[in-house]
C-alpha atoms as a PDB file:
ATOM      1  CA  MET A   1      -8.010  -4.482 -18.996  1.00  0.00           C
ATOM      2  CA  ASN A   2      -8.706  -0.756 -19.309  1.00  0.00           C
ATOM      3  CA  SER A   3      -8.152  -0.222 -23.045  1.00  0.00           C
ATOM      4  CA  ASN A   4      -6.951   3.337 -22.467  1.00  0.00           C
ATOM      5  CA  LEU A   5      -4.097   2.104 -20.306  1.00  0.00           C
ATOM      6  CA  LYS A   6      -3.230  -0.985 -22.339  1.00  0.00           C
ATOM      7  CA  ARG A   7      -0.782   0.622 -24.729  1.00  0.00           C
ATOM      8  CA  PHE A   8       1.193   2.186 -21.875  1.00  0.00           C
ATOM      9  CA  ILE A   9       1.617  -1.024 -19.854  1.00  0.00           C
ATOM     10  CA  ARG A  10       4.257  -3.726 -20.118  1.00  0.00           C
ATOM     11  CA  PHE A  11       4.038  -7.002 -18.225  1.00  0.00           C
ATOM     12  CA  SER A  12       6.985  -9.050 -17.061  1.00  0.00           C
ATOM     13  CA  PRO A  13       7.117 -12.596 -18.481  1.00  0.00           C
ATOM     14  CA  GLU A  14       6.313 -13.961 -15.010  1.00  0.00           C
ATOM     15  CA  ILE A  15       3.095 -11.934 -14.738  1.00  0.00           C
ATOM     16  CA  THR A  16       2.059 -12.727 -18.305  1.00  0.00           C
ATOM     17  CA  ARG A  17       2.407 -16.440 -17.569  1.00  0.00           C
ATOM     18  CA  ALA A  18       0.700 -16.190 -14.159  1.00  0.00           C
ATOM     19  CA  GLN A  19      -2.341 -14.496 -15.644  1.00  0.00           C
ATOM     20  CA  SER A  20      -2.517 -16.872 -18.589  1.00  0.00           C
ATOM     21  CA  ILE A  21      -2.725 -19.930 -16.314  1.00  0.00           C
ATOM     22  CA  GLY A  22      -4.858 -18.328 -13.609  1.00  0.00           C
ATOM     23  CA  SER A  23      -2.266 -18.148 -10.816  1.00  0.00           C
ATOM     24  CA  PRO A  24      -3.025 -15.795  -7.895  1.00  0.00           C
ATOM     25  CA  VAL A  25      -1.224 -12.466  -8.200  1.00  0.00           C
ATOM     26  CA  VAL A  26      -0.527  -9.783  -5.577  1.00  0.00           C
ATOM     27  CA  ALA A  27       0.219  -6.189  -6.544  1.00  0.00           C
ATOM     28  CA  LEU A  28       2.970  -4.357  -4.645  1.00  0.00           C
ATOM     29  CA  GLU A  29       3.613  -0.608  -4.711  1.00  0.00           C
ATOM     30  CA  SER A  30       7.050   0.830  -5.320  1.00  0.00           C
ATOM     31  CA  THR A  31       7.299   4.180  -3.510  1.00  0.00           C
ATOM     32  CA  VAL A  32       8.672   2.201  -0.577  1.00  0.00           C
ATOM     33  CA  ILE A  33      11.583   1.407  -2.921  1.00  0.00           C
ATOM     34  CA  THR A  34      12.065   4.873  -4.415  1.00  0.00           C
ATOM     35  CA  HIS A  35      11.190   7.050  -1.412  1.00  0.00           C
ATOM     36  CA  GLY A  36      10.637   4.914   1.682  1.00  0.00           C
ATOM     37  CA  LEU A  37      14.070   3.508   2.495  1.00  0.00           C
ATOM     38  CA  PRO A  38      17.721   4.251   1.709  1.00  0.00           C
ATOM     39  CA  TYR A  39      19.797   2.060  -0.607  1.00  0.00           C
ATOM     40  CA  PRO A  40      20.516  -0.877  -0.236  1.00  0.00           C
ATOM     41  CA  GLU A  41      17.851  -1.518   2.434  1.00  0.00           C
ATOM     42  CA  ASN A  42      15.154  -0.654  -0.114  1.00  0.00           C
ATOM     43  CA  ILE A  43      16.196  -3.293  -2.651  1.00  0.00           C
ATOM     44  CA  GLN A  44      16.436  -5.900   0.101  1.00  0.00           C
ATOM     45  CA  LEU A  45      12.931  -5.077   1.312  1.00  0.00           C
ATOM     46  CA  ALA A  46      11.537  -5.218  -2.238  1.00  0.00           C
ATOM     47  CA  GLN A  47      12.992  -8.688  -2.687  1.00  0.00           C
ATOM     48  CA  ASP A  48      11.811  -9.773   0.779  1.00  0.00           C
ATOM     49  CA  MET A  49       8.233  -8.696   0.038  1.00  0.00           C
ATOM     50  CA  GLU A  50       8.240 -10.515  -3.282  1.00  0.00           C
ATOM     51  CA  ASN A  51       9.604 -13.613  -1.532  1.00  0.00           C
ATOM     52  CA  GLU A  52       6.858 -13.423   1.111  1.00  0.00           C
ATOM     53  CA  VAL A  53       4.252 -13.391  -1.654  1.00  0.00           C
ATOM     54  CA  ARG A  54       5.860 -16.373  -3.379  1.00  0.00           C
ATOM     55  CA  GLN A  55       6.119 -18.328  -0.140  1.00  0.00           C
ATOM     56  CA  GLY A  56       2.411 -17.671   0.358  1.00  0.00           C
ATOM     57  CA  GLY A  57       1.642 -19.335  -2.960  1.00  0.00           C
ATOM     58  CA  ALA A  58       1.072 -16.258  -5.146  1.00  0.00           C
ATOM     59  CA  VAL A  59       3.011 -14.293  -7.750  1.00  0.00           C
ATOM     60  CA  PRO A  60       4.267 -10.788  -6.867  1.00  0.00           C
ATOM     61  CA  ALA A  61       3.565  -7.955  -9.298  1.00  0.00           C
ATOM     62  CA  THR A  62       5.577  -4.946  -8.195  1.00  0.00           C
ATOM     63  CA  ILE A  63       4.277  -1.955 -10.149  1.00  0.00           C
ATOM     64  CA  ALA A  64       6.324   1.083 -11.180  1.00  0.00           C
ATOM     65  CA  ILE A  65       6.932   3.464 -14.065  1.00  0.00           C
ATOM     66  CA  VAL A  66      10.245   2.797 -15.806  1.00  0.00           C
ATOM     67  CA  ASP A  67      11.394   5.182 -18.539  1.00  0.00           C
ATOM     68  CA  GLY A  68       7.824   6.220 -19.265  1.00  0.00           C
ATOM     69  CA  ILE A  69       6.422   2.666 -19.341  1.00  0.00           C
ATOM     70  CA  ILE A  70       3.978   1.422 -16.701  1.00  0.00           C
ATOM     71  CA  GLN A  71       5.622  -1.820 -15.674  1.00  0.00           C
ATOM     72  CA  VAL A  72       3.663  -4.643 -13.999  1.00  0.00           C
ATOM     73  CA  GLY A  73       6.213  -7.027 -12.542  1.00  0.00           C
ATOM     74  CA  LEU A  74       9.836  -5.946 -12.304  1.00  0.00           C
ATOM     75  CA  SER A  75      13.096  -7.662 -13.157  1.00  0.00           C
ATOM     76  CA  ILE A  76      16.018  -7.626 -10.734  1.00  0.00           C
ATOM     77  CA  ASP A  77      17.716  -5.003 -12.909  1.00  0.00           C
ATOM     78  CA  GLN A  78      14.605  -2.787 -12.812  1.00  0.00           C
ATOM     79  CA  LEU A  79      14.333  -3.127  -9.023  1.00  0.00           C
ATOM     80  CA  GLU A  80      17.999  -2.181  -8.734  1.00  0.00           C
ATOM     81  CA  TYR A  81      17.490   0.801 -11.042  1.00  0.00           C
ATOM     82  CA  LEU A  82      14.551   2.122  -9.001  1.00  0.00           C
ATOM     83  CA  ALA A  83      16.317   1.494  -5.691  1.00  0.00           C
ATOM     84  CA  SER A  84      19.630   3.150  -6.558  1.00  0.00           C
ATOM     85  CA  GLY A  85      18.585   5.762  -9.113  1.00  0.00           C
ATOM     86  CA  ARG A  86      18.360   9.483  -8.448  1.00  0.00           C
ATOM     87  CA  GLY A  87      15.551  11.763  -9.477  1.00  0.00           C
ATOM     88  CA  MET A  88      12.880   9.120  -9.064  1.00  0.00           C
ATOM     89  CA  ARG A  89       9.347  10.478  -9.013  1.00  0.00           C
ATOM     90  CA  LYS A  90       6.354   9.632  -6.860  1.00  0.00           C
ATOM     91  CA  ALA A  91       3.759   8.404  -9.319  1.00  0.00           C
ATOM     92  CA  SER A  92       0.200   9.147  -8.255  1.00  0.00           C
ATOM     93  CA  PRO A  93      -2.503   8.950 -10.984  1.00  0.00           C
ATOM     94  CA  ARG A  94      -2.191  12.683 -11.733  1.00  0.00           C
ATOM     95  CA  ASP A  95       1.511  12.162 -12.554  1.00  0.00           C
ATOM     96  CA  PHE A  96       1.161   9.299 -15.036  1.00  0.00           C
ATOM     97  CA  SER A  97       0.685  11.392 -18.170  1.00  0.00           C
ATOM     98  CA  ARG A  98       3.648  13.686 -17.469  1.00  0.00           C
ATOM     99  CA  MET A  99       5.928  10.788 -16.617  1.00  0.00           C
ATOM    100  CA  ILE A 100       4.938   8.856 -19.730  1.00  0.00           C
ATOM    101  CA  VAL A 101       5.432  11.864 -22.031  1.00  0.00           C
ATOM    102  CA  ASN A 102       8.784  12.754 -20.431  1.00  0.00           C
ATOM    103  CA  GLU A 103       9.888   9.093 -20.172  1.00  0.00           C
ATOM    104  CA  GLU A 104      10.478   9.451 -16.445  1.00  0.00           C
ATOM    105  CA  SER A 105      10.818   6.748 -13.813  1.00  0.00           C
ATOM    106  CA  GLY A 106       9.435   6.430 -10.321  1.00  0.00           C
ATOM    107  CA  GLY A 107       7.535   4.477  -7.729  1.00  0.00           C
ATOM    108  CA  THR A 108       3.772   4.197  -7.814  1.00  0.00           C
ATOM    109  CA  THR A 109       1.926   5.347  -4.704  1.00  0.00           C
ATOM    110  CA  VAL A 110      -0.978   3.433  -3.181  1.00  0.00           C
ATOM    111  CA  ALA A 111      -3.366   5.396  -5.423  1.00  0.00           C
ATOM    112  CA  GLY A 112      -1.242   4.852  -8.513  1.00  0.00           C
ATOM    113  CA  THR A 113      -0.811   1.152  -7.822  1.00  0.00           C
ATOM    114  CA  LEU A 114      -4.552   0.749  -7.279  1.00  0.00           C
ATOM    115  CA  VAL A 115      -5.329   2.213 -10.705  1.00  0.00           C
ATOM    116  CA  VAL A 116      -2.894  -0.093 -12.489  1.00  0.00           C
ATOM    117  CA  ALA A 117      -3.758  -3.195 -10.457  1.00  0.00           C
ATOM    118  CA  TYR A 118      -7.475  -2.964 -11.172  1.00  0.00           C
ATOM    119  CA  ALA A 119      -6.934  -2.059 -14.824  1.00  0.00           C
ATOM    120  CA  THR A 120      -4.841  -5.211 -15.284  1.00  0.00           C
ATOM    121  CA  GLY A 121      -7.153  -7.578 -13.427  1.00  0.00           C
ATOM    122  CA  ILE A 122      -5.166  -7.835 -10.193  1.00  0.00           C
ATOM    123  CA  ARG A 123      -7.624  -7.747  -7.300  1.00  0.00           C
ATOM    124  CA  VAL A 124      -5.326  -8.069  -4.238  1.00  0.00           C
ATOM    125  CA  PHE A 125      -2.723  -5.470  -3.261  1.00  0.00           C
ATOM    126  CA  ALA A 126      -0.328  -5.313  -0.300  1.00  0.00           C
ATOM    127  CA  THR A 127       1.212  -2.145   1.082  1.00  0.00           C
ATOM    128  CA  GLY A 128       2.483  -0.778   4.390  1.00  0.00           C
ATOM    129  CA  GLY A 129       0.193   2.049   5.439  1.00  0.00           C
ATOM    130  CA  ILE A 130      -2.249   3.984   3.313  1.00  0.00           C
ATOM    131  CA  GLY A 131      -2.208   7.770   3.061  1.00  0.00           C
ATOM    132  CA  GLY A 132      -4.970   9.687   4.774  1.00  0.00           C
ATOM    133  CA  VAL A 133      -6.007  12.984   6.294  1.00  0.00           C
ATOM    134  CA  HIS A 134      -2.985  14.998   7.407  1.00  0.00           C
ATOM    135  CA  ARG A 135      -2.705  16.708  10.773  1.00  0.00           C
ATOM    136  CA  GLN A 136      -1.044  19.711   9.176  1.00  0.00           C
ATOM    137  CA  PRO A 137      -1.913  21.556   7.093  1.00  0.00           C
ATOM    138  CA  ARG A 138      -5.558  21.028   7.957  1.00  0.00           C
ATOM    139  CA  GLY A 139      -7.626  19.789   5.038  1.00  0.00           C
ATOM    140  CA  ASP A 140      -4.717  18.075   3.271  1.00  0.00           C
ATOM    141  CA  VAL A 141      -6.043  14.693   2.107  1.00  0.00           C
ATOM    142  CA  SER A 142      -3.985  11.999   0.390  1.00  0.00           C
ATOM    143  CA  ALA A 143      -5.004  10.933  -3.121  1.00  0.00           C
ATOM    144  CA  ASP A 144      -5.081   7.388  -1.728  1.00  0.00           C
ATOM    145  CA  LEU A 145      -8.434   7.977  -0.020  1.00  0.00           C
ATOM    146  CA  PRO A 146     -10.600   8.980  -3.020  1.00  0.00           C
ATOM    147  CA  GLN A 147      -8.933   6.233  -5.048  1.00  0.00           C
ATOM    148  CA  LEU A 148      -9.842   3.659  -2.397  1.00  0.00           C
ATOM    149  CA  ALA A 149     -13.427   4.902  -2.570  1.00  0.00           C
ATOM    150  CA  THR A 150     -13.676   4.129  -6.296  1.00  0.00           C
ATOM    151  CA  THR A 151     -11.452   1.099  -6.997  1.00  0.00           C
ATOM    152  CA  PRO A 152     -12.682  -2.457  -6.203  1.00  0.00           C
ATOM    153  CA  VAL A 153      -9.469  -4.094  -4.993  1.00  0.00           C
ATOM    154  CA  ILE A 154      -8.660  -5.825  -1.697  1.00  0.00           C
ATOM    155  CA  VAL A 155      -5.934  -3.719  -0.041  1.00  0.00           C
ATOM    156  CA  VAL A 156      -3.911  -5.227   2.806  1.00  0.00           C
ATOM    157  CA  CYS A 157      -2.225  -2.663   5.046  1.00  0.00           C
ATOM    158  CA  ALA A 158      -1.346  -1.873   8.666  1.00  0.00           C
ATOM    159  CA  GLY A 159      -3.852   0.971   8.793  1.00  0.00           C
ATOM    160  CA  ALA A 160      -2.848   4.502   7.873  1.00  0.00           C
ATOM    161  CA  LYS A 161       0.570   5.979   8.567  1.00  0.00           C
ATOM    162  CA  ALA A 162       0.812   6.965  12.240  1.00  0.00           C
ATOM    163  CA  ILE A 163       1.854  10.520  11.376  1.00  0.00           C
ATOM    164  CA  LEU A 164      -1.669  11.165  10.020  1.00  0.00           C
ATOM    165  CA  ASP A 165      -4.926  12.157  11.678  1.00  0.00           C
ATOM    166  CA  LEU A 166      -6.198   8.618  12.215  1.00  0.00           C
ATOM    167  CA  PRO A 167      -9.718   9.456  13.489  1.00  0.00           C
ATOM    168  CA  ALA A 168     -10.304  11.772  10.506  1.00  0.00           C
ATOM    169  CA  THR A 169      -8.929   9.150   8.123  1.00  0.00           C
ATOM    170  CA  VAL A 170     -11.240   6.446   9.496  1.00  0.00           C
ATOM    171  CA  GLU A 171     -14.155   8.890   9.276  1.00  0.00           C
ATOM    172  CA  TYR A 172     -13.353   9.609   5.616  1.00  0.00           C
ATOM    173  CA  LEU A 173     -13.337   5.883   4.825  1.00  0.00           C
ATOM    174  CA  GLU A 174     -16.694   5.491   6.548  1.00  0.00           C
ATOM    175  CA  THR A 175     -18.207   8.481   4.737  1.00  0.00           C
ATOM    176  CA  TYR A 176     -17.203   7.114   1.339  1.00  0.00           C
ATOM    177  CA  GLY A 177     -18.343   3.565   2.036  1.00  0.00           C
ATOM    178  CA  VAL A 178     -15.002   1.772   2.211  1.00  0.00           C
ATOM    179  CA  PRO A 179     -15.284  -1.365   4.384  1.00  0.00           C
ATOM    180  CA  VAL A 180     -12.441  -1.489   6.907  1.00  0.00           C
ATOM    181  CA  LEU A 181     -11.828  -5.053   8.048  1.00  0.00           C
ATOM    182  CA  GLY A 182      -9.676  -5.748  11.077  1.00  0.00           C
ATOM    183  CA  TYR A 183      -7.639  -8.853  10.279  1.00  0.00           C
ATOM    184  CA  GLN A 184      -7.928 -10.932  13.461  1.00  0.00           C
ATOM    185  CA  THR A 185      -8.642  -7.732  15.370  1.00  0.00           C
ATOM    186  CA  ASN A 186     -11.510  -5.332  16.085  1.00  0.00           C
ATOM    187  CA  GLU A 187      -9.235  -2.299  16.253  1.00  0.00           C
ATOM    188  CA  PHE A 188      -7.816  -0.142  13.476  1.00  0.00           C
ATOM    189  CA  PRO A 189      -4.011  -0.539  13.663  1.00  0.00           C
ATOM    190  CA  ALA A 190      -1.872   2.553  14.084  1.00  0.00           C
ATOM    191  CA  PHE A 191       0.815   1.397  11.642  1.00  0.00           C
ATOM    192  CA  TYR A 192       3.802   1.066  13.981  1.00  0.00           C
ATOM    193  CA  SER A 193       1.604  -0.034  16.883  1.00  0.00           C
ATOM    194  CA  ALA A 194      -1.398  -2.341  17.057  1.00  0.00           C
ATOM    195  CA  ARG A 195      -3.623   0.048  18.970  1.00  0.00           C
ATOM    196  CA  SER A 196      -5.362   3.230  17.891  1.00  0.00           C
ATOM    197  CA  ARG A 197      -8.530   2.965  20.049  1.00  0.00           C
ATOM    198  CA  LEU A 198     -10.517   3.220  16.806  1.00  0.00           C
ATOM    199  CA  PRO A 199     -12.872   0.374  15.844  1.00  0.00           C
ATOM    200  CA  THR A 200     -12.958  -1.252  12.427  1.00  0.00           C
ATOM    201  CA  SER A 201     -16.264  -1.614  10.596  1.00  0.00           C
ATOM    202  CA  ALA A 202     -15.964  -5.417  10.651  1.00  0.00           C
ATOM    203  CA  ARG A 203     -13.594  -8.234  11.540  1.00  0.00           C
ATOM    204  CA  ALA A 204     -12.241 -11.086   9.411  1.00  0.00           C
ATOM    205  CA  ASP A 205     -10.246 -13.892  10.982  1.00  0.00           C
ATOM    206  CA  ASN A 206      -9.043 -15.695   7.860  1.00  0.00           C
ATOM    207  CA  PRO A 207      -8.542 -15.160   4.102  1.00  0.00           C
ATOM    208  CA  GLN A 208     -11.814 -16.870   3.210  1.00  0.00           C
ATOM    209  CA  GLU A 209     -13.828 -14.403   5.298  1.00  0.00           C
ATOM    210  CA  VAL A 210     -12.051 -11.479   3.630  1.00  0.00           C
ATOM    211  CA  VAL A 211     -12.860 -12.815   0.172  1.00  0.00           C
ATOM    212  CA  GLU A 212     -16.502 -13.543   1.007  1.00  0.00           C
ATOM    213  CA  ILE A 213     -17.019 -10.016   2.335  1.00  0.00           C
ATOM    214  CA  ALA A 214     -15.226  -8.423  -0.639  1.00  0.00           C
ATOM    215  CA  LEU A 215     -17.114 -10.399  -3.284  1.00  0.00           C
ATOM    216  CA  THR A 216     -20.445  -9.742  -1.591  1.00  0.00           C
ATOM    217  CA  HIS A 217     -19.623  -6.020  -1.356  1.00  0.00           C
ATOM    218  CA  TRP A 218     -18.969  -5.872  -5.095  1.00  0.00           C
ATOM    219  CA  ARG A 219     -21.900  -8.091  -6.032  1.00  0.00           C
ATOM    220  CA  LEU A 220     -24.108  -5.606  -4.225  1.00  0.00           C
ATOM    221  CA  GLY A 221     -22.927  -3.024  -6.720  1.00  0.00           C
ATOM    222  CA  MET A 222     -20.393  -1.251  -4.504  1.00  0.00           C
ATOM    223  CA  LEU A 223     -17.268  -0.053  -6.276  1.00  0.00           C
ATOM    224  CA  SER A 224     -14.913   0.793  -3.420  1.00  0.00           C
ATOM    225  CA  ALA A 225     -11.861  -1.075  -2.259  1.00  0.00           C
ATOM    226  CA  VAL A 226     -12.079  -3.383   0.742  1.00  0.00           C
ATOM    227  CA  LEU A 227      -9.407  -2.342   3.234  1.00  0.00           C
ATOM    228  CA  VAL A 228      -7.904  -5.186   5.269  1.00  0.00           C
ATOM    229  CA  THR A 229      -5.991  -3.814   8.262  1.00  0.00           C
ATOM    230  CA  ALA A 230      -3.473  -6.127   9.918  1.00  0.00           C
ATOM    231  CA  PRO A 231      -1.620  -5.115  13.097  1.00  0.00           C
ATOM    232  CA  PRO A 232       2.177  -5.176  12.930  1.00  0.00           C
ATOM    233  CA  PRO A 233       3.694  -8.407  14.288  1.00  0.00           C
ATOM    234  CA  MET A 234       3.971  -8.384  18.080  1.00  0.00           C
ATOM    235  CA  GLU A 235       7.739  -8.806  18.003  1.00  0.00           C
ATOM    236  CA  VAL A 236       8.256  -5.487  16.178  1.00  0.00           C
ATOM    237  CA  ALA A 237       5.207  -3.409  17.192  1.00  0.00           C
ATOM    238  CA  LEU A 238       5.850  -0.285  19.272  1.00  0.00           C
ATOM    239  CA  PRO A 239       3.871   0.652  22.406  1.00  0.00           C
ATOM    240  CA  ASP A 240       1.134   3.075  21.376  1.00  0.00           C
ATOM    241  CA  ASP A 241       2.038   5.741  23.955  1.00  0.00           C
ATOM    242  CA  GLU A 242       5.677   5.759  22.817  1.00  0.00           C
ATOM    243  CA  MET A 243       4.559   6.059  19.202  1.00  0.00           C
ATOM    244  CA  ARG A 244       2.213   8.956  19.905  1.00  0.00           C
ATOM    245  CA  GLU A 245       4.944  10.944  21.645  1.00  0.00           C
ATOM    246  CA  ALA A 246       7.412  10.334  18.817  1.00  0.00           C
ATOM    247  CA  VAL A 247       4.874  11.537  16.240  1.00  0.00           C
ATOM    248  CA  LYS A 248       4.080  14.667  18.274  1.00  0.00           C
ATOM    249  CA  GLN A 249       7.764  15.532  18.467  1.00  0.00           C
ATOM    250  CA  ALA A 250       8.267  14.944  14.731  1.00  0.00           C
ATOM    251  CA  LEU A 251       5.289  17.189  13.932  1.00  0.00           C
ATOM    252  CA  ARG A 252       6.726  19.974  16.091  1.00  0.00           C
ATOM    253  CA  ASP A 253      10.060  19.636  14.312  1.00  0.00           C
ATOM    254  CA  ALA A 254       8.408  19.771  10.891  1.00  0.00           C
ATOM    255  CA  LYS A 255       6.556  22.947  11.842  1.00  0.00           C
ATOM    256  CA  GLU A 256       9.731  24.594  13.158  1.00  0.00           C
ATOM    257  CA  GLU A 257      11.633  23.706   9.985  1.00  0.00           C
ATOM    258  CA  ARG A 258       8.713  24.820   7.774  1.00  0.00           C
ATOM    259  CA  ILE A 259       8.488  21.537   5.883  1.00  0.00           C
ATOM    260  CA  ARG A 260       5.769  21.721   3.224  1.00  0.00           C
ATOM    261  CA  GLY A 261       3.993  19.696   0.538  1.00  0.00           C
ATOM    262  CA  GLN A 262       5.287  16.313  -0.571  1.00  0.00           C
ATOM    263  CA  GLN A 263       8.310  16.689   1.705  1.00  0.00           C
ATOM    264  CA  VAL A 264       6.201  16.398   4.863  1.00  0.00           C
ATOM    265  CA  THR A 265       5.658  12.634   4.909  1.00  0.00           C
ATOM    266  CA  PRO A 266       9.279  11.584   4.210  1.00  0.00           C
ATOM    267  CA  PHE A 267      10.524  14.131   6.763  1.00  0.00           C
ATOM    268  CA  LEU A 268       8.159  12.873   9.454  1.00  0.00           C
ATOM    269  CA  LEU A 269       8.908   9.200   8.819  1.00  0.00           C
ATOM    270  CA  LYS A 270      12.646   9.841   8.978  1.00  0.00           C
ATOM    271  CA  ARG A 271      12.318  11.971  12.115  1.00  0.00           C
ATOM    272  CA  VAL A 272      10.155   9.372  13.883  1.00  0.00           C
ATOM    273  CA  SER A 273      12.778   6.747  13.089  1.00  0.00           C
ATOM    274  CA  GLU A 274      15.483   8.954  14.625  1.00  0.00           C
ATOM    275  CA  ILE A 275      13.413   9.643  17.748  1.00  0.00           C
ATOM    276  CA  THR A 276      12.627   5.951  18.309  1.00  0.00           C
ATOM    277  CA  GLY A 277      16.205   4.839  17.777  1.00  0.00           C
ATOM    278  CA  ASN A 278      15.279   3.081  14.535  1.00  0.00           C
ATOM    279  CA  ALA A 279      12.554   1.006  16.236  1.00  0.00           C
ATOM    280  CA  SER A 280       9.890   2.484  13.940  1.00  0.00           C
ATOM    281  CA  MET A 281      11.923   1.445  10.899  1.00  0.00           C
ATOM    282  CA  ILE A 282      12.160  -2.114  12.199  1.00  0.00           C
ATOM    283  CA  ALA A 283       8.392  -2.118  12.760  1.00  0.00           C
ATOM    284  CA  ASN A 284       7.855  -0.768   9.245  1.00  0.00           C
ATOM    285  CA  LEU A 285       9.921  -3.540   7.673  1.00  0.00           C
ATOM    286  CA  GLY A 286       8.182  -6.196   9.751  1.00  0.00           C
ATOM    287  CA  LEU A 287       4.673  -5.057   8.920  1.00  0.00           C
ATOM    288  CA  LEU A 288       5.434  -4.779   5.198  1.00  0.00           C
ATOM    289  CA  ARG A 289       6.601  -8.396   5.064  1.00  0.00           C
ATOM    290  CA  ASN A 290       3.648  -9.488   7.184  1.00  0.00           C
ATOM    291  CA  ASN A 291       1.149  -7.737   4.914  1.00  0.00           C
ATOM    292  CA  ALA A 292       2.679  -9.322   1.817  1.00  0.00           C
ATOM    293  CA  GLY A 293       2.245 -12.786   3.307  1.00  0.00           C
ATOM    294  CA  ILE A 294      -1.372 -12.144   4.316  1.00  0.00           C
ATOM    295  CA  ALA A 295      -2.150 -10.746   0.861  1.00  0.00           C
ATOM    296  CA  ALA A 296      -0.761 -13.905  -0.772  1.00  0.00           C
ATOM    297  CA  GLN A 297      -3.123 -16.062   1.287  1.00  0.00           C
ATOM    298  CA  ILE A 298      -6.067 -13.827   0.386  1.00  0.00           C
ATOM    299  CA  ALA A 299      -5.112 -13.897  -3.316  1.00  0.00           C
ATOM    300  CA  ARG A 300      -5.093 -17.691  -3.272  1.00  0.00           C
ATOM    301  CA  SER A 301      -8.531 -17.765  -1.678  1.00  0.00           C
ATOM    302  CA  PHE A 302      -9.806 -15.135  -4.105  1.00  0.00           C
ATOM    303  CA  GLN A 303      -8.531 -17.069  -7.101  1.00  0.00           C
ATOM    304  CA  ARG A 304     -10.259 -20.245  -5.899  1.00  0.00           C
ATOM    305  CA  ASP A 305     -13.594 -18.665  -5.040  1.00  0.00           C
ATOM    306  CA  ASN A 306     -14.020 -15.773  -7.434  1.00  0.00           C
ATOM    307  CA  GLN A 307     -16.460 -16.637 -10.177  1.00  0.00           C
ATOM    308  CA  ILE A 308     -17.441 -13.095 -11.114  1.00  0.00           C
ATOM    309  CA  SER A 309     -16.325 -11.221 -14.159  1.00  0.00           C
ATOM    310  CA  ALA A 310     -14.474  -7.920 -13.802  1.00  0.00           C
ATOM    311  CA  VAL A 311     -16.517  -5.461 -11.771  1.00  0.00           C
END
């Protein structure tokens, strides 16, 4: 564990036991609880994702900051607190120190979860969609991308959020040496839809292939994450043309209403859901559960095959 973080972290009894006996563990982020969905849908999704991980044979470690403590593994009461509480923060790595000093609470972003997962020895992480390069304002890049470039964790996602500039996001990942594996596909998913017309850098058809590629990447001395991109399940995925039009409309609305900064992403996601008649929300829920299940399978394979010490 990163000794600098150790005194700020508290593990749930379940995670402490899992790590002591060598059980596979999957990290889960918590901004989907604090900022992604309304109450009580958010608490239900959090429990569903944890259940998917357990059914896949691994232990879920939802990560958040609770009253200034970095918590790895949450109790039901803590999940309820994050889901129903007001004034919850988005916790990216830059926010950790302020939140700890001020004893604040909030959900960890992809970047924030990556930092904590790797520091605590958790090497598989499931999320919905990563952040990326924004369409507006030009040059706005999510903190997720540089963190992916420097943190050796397997990250299971459905690509980047569809509201982003997907070609620029894929180009950034390529530039900074992050392998992008299509899970049973050769195409980078577009979050709500399976198609983006963008190729992945490689394909993996099962958990064992993912683990072999990741371990070889790190044994070669590379320090980036390995991004595993899984298309949303067919039964909930949206047609790509319908998704593109919904995103274009949401972007126009955001510009007209002069939405700025950290408010852009939540506004766009909510607006896309309204435009699609809630179909995008259904796709979001489906892909999150799907990613959690895939991550559990990968974590089991990783735990069996990984013989390396911490990278």
